[in-house]
């Protein structure tokens, strides 16, 4: 080891001209402007709110209809296999009138 001599260093690039400086420049440039996909993501996020509201409204409507059907069934307005008794009564009422 040379402990009594001088060390000569030659710098070819300093500051922003180095590879590290160029990496910092690229990172700063990327932070300044949003990525191209960010615009698409923002636009789709706006539609997501409308889609969620529509889905909630459709779900509420379907549940209200099903609830009304259930209430009508409990009250006796809906009879299981009710089309046949209605048709039988209609046929019995129409048949004697035709003869």
C-alpha atoms as a PDB file:
ATOM      1  CA  UNK A   1       0.000   0.000   0.000  1.00  0.00           C
ATOM      2  CA  UNK A   2       1.123   3.426  -0.845  1.00  0.00           C
ATOM      3  CA  UNK A   3       0.605   5.477   2.339  1.00  0.00           C
ATOM      4  CA  UNK A   4       2.725   8.486   1.535  1.00  0.00           C
ATOM      5  CA  UNK A   5       1.730   9.187  -2.081  1.00  0.00           C
ATOM      6  CA  UNK A   6      -1.136  11.059  -3.682  1.00  0.00           C
ATOM      7  CA  UNK A   7      -4.089   9.470  -5.339  1.00  0.00           C
ATOM      8  CA  UNK A   8      -5.082  10.801  -8.728  1.00  0.00           C
ATOM      9  CA  UNK A   9      -8.721  10.333  -9.743  1.00  0.00           C
ATOM     10  CA  UNK A  10     -10.207  11.339 -13.057  1.00  0.00           C
ATOM     11  CA  UNK A  11     -13.995  11.754 -13.345  1.00  0.00           C
ATOM     12  CA  UNK A  12     -15.448  11.443 -16.785  1.00  0.00           C
ATOM     13  CA  UNK A  13     -19.030  12.187 -15.781  1.00  0.00           C
ATOM     14  CA  UNK A  14     -20.563  13.815 -12.727  1.00  0.00           C
ATOM     15  CA  UNK A  15     -24.057  14.620 -11.498  1.00  0.00           C
ATOM     16  CA  UNK A  16     -26.902  14.119 -13.975  1.00  0.00           C
ATOM     17  CA  UNK A  17     -24.565  12.787 -16.660  1.00  0.00           C
ATOM     18  CA  UNK A  18     -23.907   9.524 -14.803  1.00  0.00           C
ATOM     19  CA  UNK A  19     -25.984   6.374 -15.138  1.00  0.00           C
ATOM     20  CA  UNK A  20     -27.409   6.959 -11.673  1.00  0.00           C
ATOM     21  CA  UNK A  21     -28.281  10.538 -12.611  1.00  0.00           C
ATOM     22  CA  UNK A  22     -30.124   9.327 -15.709  1.00  0.00           C
ATOM     23  CA  UNK A  23     -32.090   6.847 -13.583  1.00  0.00           C
ATOM     24  CA  UNK A  24     -33.118   9.672 -11.258  1.00  0.00           C
ATOM     25  CA  UNK A  25     -34.182  11.789 -14.255  1.00  0.00           C
ATOM     26  CA  UNK A  26     -36.301   8.943 -15.607  1.00  0.00           C
ATOM     27  CA  UNK A  27     -37.945   8.404 -12.205  1.00  0.00           C
ATOM     28  CA  UNK A  28     -38.738  12.112 -11.829  1.00  0.00           C
ATOM     29  CA  UNK A  29     -40.159  12.227 -15.345  1.00  0.00           C
ATOM     30  CA  UNK A  30     -42.350   9.180 -14.624  1.00  0.00           C
ATOM     31  CA  UNK A  31     -43.684  10.793 -11.436  1.00  0.00           C
ATOM     32  CA  UNK A  32     -44.694  13.981 -13.241  1.00  0.00           C
ATOM     33  CA  UNK A  33     -47.139  12.414 -15.688  1.00  0.00           C
ATOM     34  CA  UNK A  34     -49.608   9.572 -15.139  1.00  0.00           C
ATOM     35  CA  UNK A  35     -49.237   6.273 -16.928  1.00  0.00           C
ATOM     36  CA  UNK A  36     -51.368   5.843 -20.081  1.00  0.00           C
ATOM     37  CA  UNK A  37     -53.356   3.025 -18.451  1.00  0.00           C
ATOM     38  CA  UNK A  38     -54.211   5.355 -15.553  1.00  0.00           C
ATOM     39  CA  UNK A  39     -56.586   7.358 -17.765  1.00  0.00           C
ATOM     40  CA  UNK A  40     -58.407   4.168 -18.740  1.00  0.00           C
ATOM     41  CA  UNK A  41     -58.577   3.025 -15.118  1.00  0.00           C
ATOM     42  CA  UNK A  42     -60.019   6.384 -14.024  1.00  0.00           C
ATOM     43  CA  UNK A  43     -62.670   6.290 -16.748  1.00  0.00           C
ATOM     44  CA  UNK A  44     -63.693   2.717 -15.883  1.00  0.00           C
ATOM     45  CA  UNK A  45     -63.815   3.562 -12.180  1.00  0.00           C
ATOM     46  CA  UNK A  46     -66.401   6.212 -12.994  1.00  0.00           C
ATOM     47  CA  UNK A  47     -68.581   3.612 -14.720  1.00  0.00           C
ATOM     48  CA  UNK A  48     -68.162   1.221 -11.780  1.00  0.00           C
ATOM     49  CA  UNK A  49     -70.234   3.507  -9.553  1.00  0.00           C
ATOM     50  CA  UNK A  50     -73.123   3.532 -12.030  1.00  0.00           C
ATOM     51  CA  UNK A  51     -72.901  -0.245 -12.466  1.00  0.00           C
ATOM     52  CA  UNK A  52     -73.004  -0.797  -8.695  1.00  0.00           C
ATOM     53  CA  UNK A  53     -76.049   1.479  -8.334  1.00  0.00           C
ATOM     54  CA  UNK A  54     -77.838  -0.306 -11.188  1.00  0.00           C
ATOM     55  CA  UNK A  55     -77.056  -3.729  -9.715  1.00  0.00           C
ATOM     56  CA  UNK A  56     -78.376  -2.592  -6.324  1.00  0.00           C
ATOM     57  CA  UNK A  57     -81.601  -1.277  -7.886  1.00  0.00           C
ATOM     58  CA  UNK A  58     -82.176  -4.498  -9.853  1.00  0.00           C
ATOM     59  CA  UNK A  59     -81.501  -6.612  -6.764  1.00  0.00           C
ATOM     60  CA  UNK A  60     -83.899  -4.524  -4.663  1.00  0.00           C
ATOM     61  CA  UNK A  61     -86.610  -4.776  -7.323  1.00  0.00           C
ATOM     62  CA  UNK A  62     -86.267  -8.552  -7.641  1.00  0.00           C
ATOM     63  CA  UNK A  63     -86.346  -9.016  -3.879  1.00  0.00           C
ATOM     64  CA  UNK A  64     -89.429  -6.800  -3.621  1.00  0.00           C
ATOM     65  CA  UNK A  65     -91.205  -8.864  -6.287  1.00  0.00           C
ATOM     66  CA  UNK A  66     -90.254 -12.132  -4.597  1.00  0.00           C
ATOM     67  CA  UNK A  67     -91.409 -10.743  -1.259  1.00  0.00           C
ATOM     68  CA  UNK A  68     -94.755  -9.761  -2.753  1.00  0.00           C
ATOM     69  CA  UNK A  69     -95.170 -13.238  -4.249  1.00  0.00           C
ATOM     70  CA  UNK A  70     -94.359 -14.796  -0.868  1.00  0.00           C
ATOM     71  CA  UNK A  71     -96.855 -12.559   0.924  1.00  0.00           C
ATOM     72  CA  UNK A  72     -99.550 -13.386  -1.650  1.00  0.00           C
ATOM     73  CA  UNK A  73     -98.856 -17.108  -1.247  1.00  0.00           C
ATOM     74  CA  UNK A  74     -99.170 -16.834   2.542  1.00  0.00           C
ATOM     75  CA  UNK A  75    -102.470 -14.987   2.148  1.00  0.00           C
ATOM     76  CA  UNK A  76    -103.824 -17.775  -0.083  1.00  0.00           C
ATOM     77  CA  UNK A  77    -103.940 -15.810  -3.316  1.00  0.00           C
ATOM     78  CA  UNK A  78    -101.561 -18.223  -4.997  1.00  0.00           C
ATOM     79  CA  UNK A  79    -102.520 -21.908  -5.100  1.00  0.00           C
ATOM     80  CA  UNK A  80    -100.025 -24.613  -6.004  1.00  0.00           C
ATOM     81  CA  UNK A  81    -101.115 -26.011  -9.364  1.00  0.00           C
ATOM     82  CA  UNK A  82    -103.797 -23.342  -9.549  1.00  0.00           C
ATOM     83  CA  UNK A  83    -104.106 -23.304 -13.336  1.00  0.00           C
ATOM     84  CA  UNK A  84    -105.907 -26.665 -13.498  1.00  0.00           C
ATOM     85  CA  UNK A  85    -108.697 -25.769 -11.047  1.00  0.00           C
ATOM     86  CA  UNK A  86    -109.227 -22.505 -12.924  1.00  0.00           C
ATOM     87  CA  UNK A  87    -109.384 -24.302 -16.270  1.00  0.00           C
ATOM     88  CA  UNK A  88    -111.699 -26.991 -14.849  1.00  0.00           C
ATOM     89  CA  UNK A  89    -114.080 -24.358 -13.538  1.00  0.00           C
ATOM     90  CA  UNK A  90    -113.961 -22.531 -16.871  1.00  0.00           C
ATOM     91  CA  UNK A  91    -114.640 -25.723 -18.847  1.00  0.00           C
ATOM     92  CA  UNK A  92    -117.537 -26.682 -16.536  1.00  0.00           C
ATOM     93  CA  UNK A  93    -119.084 -23.247 -16.968  1.00  0.00           C
ATOM     94  CA  UNK A  94    -118.646 -23.166 -20.739  1.00  0.00           C
ATOM     95  CA  UNK A  95    -119.659 -26.749 -21.527  1.00  0.00           C
ATOM     96  CA  UNK A  96    -123.249 -26.601 -20.251  1.00  0.00           C
ATOM     97  CA  UNK A  97    -123.792 -23.345 -22.078  1.00  0.00           C
ATOM     98  CA  UNK A  98    -122.849 -24.950 -25.389  1.00  0.00           C
ATOM     99  CA  UNK A  99    -125.247 -27.876 -25.172  1.00  0.00           C
END
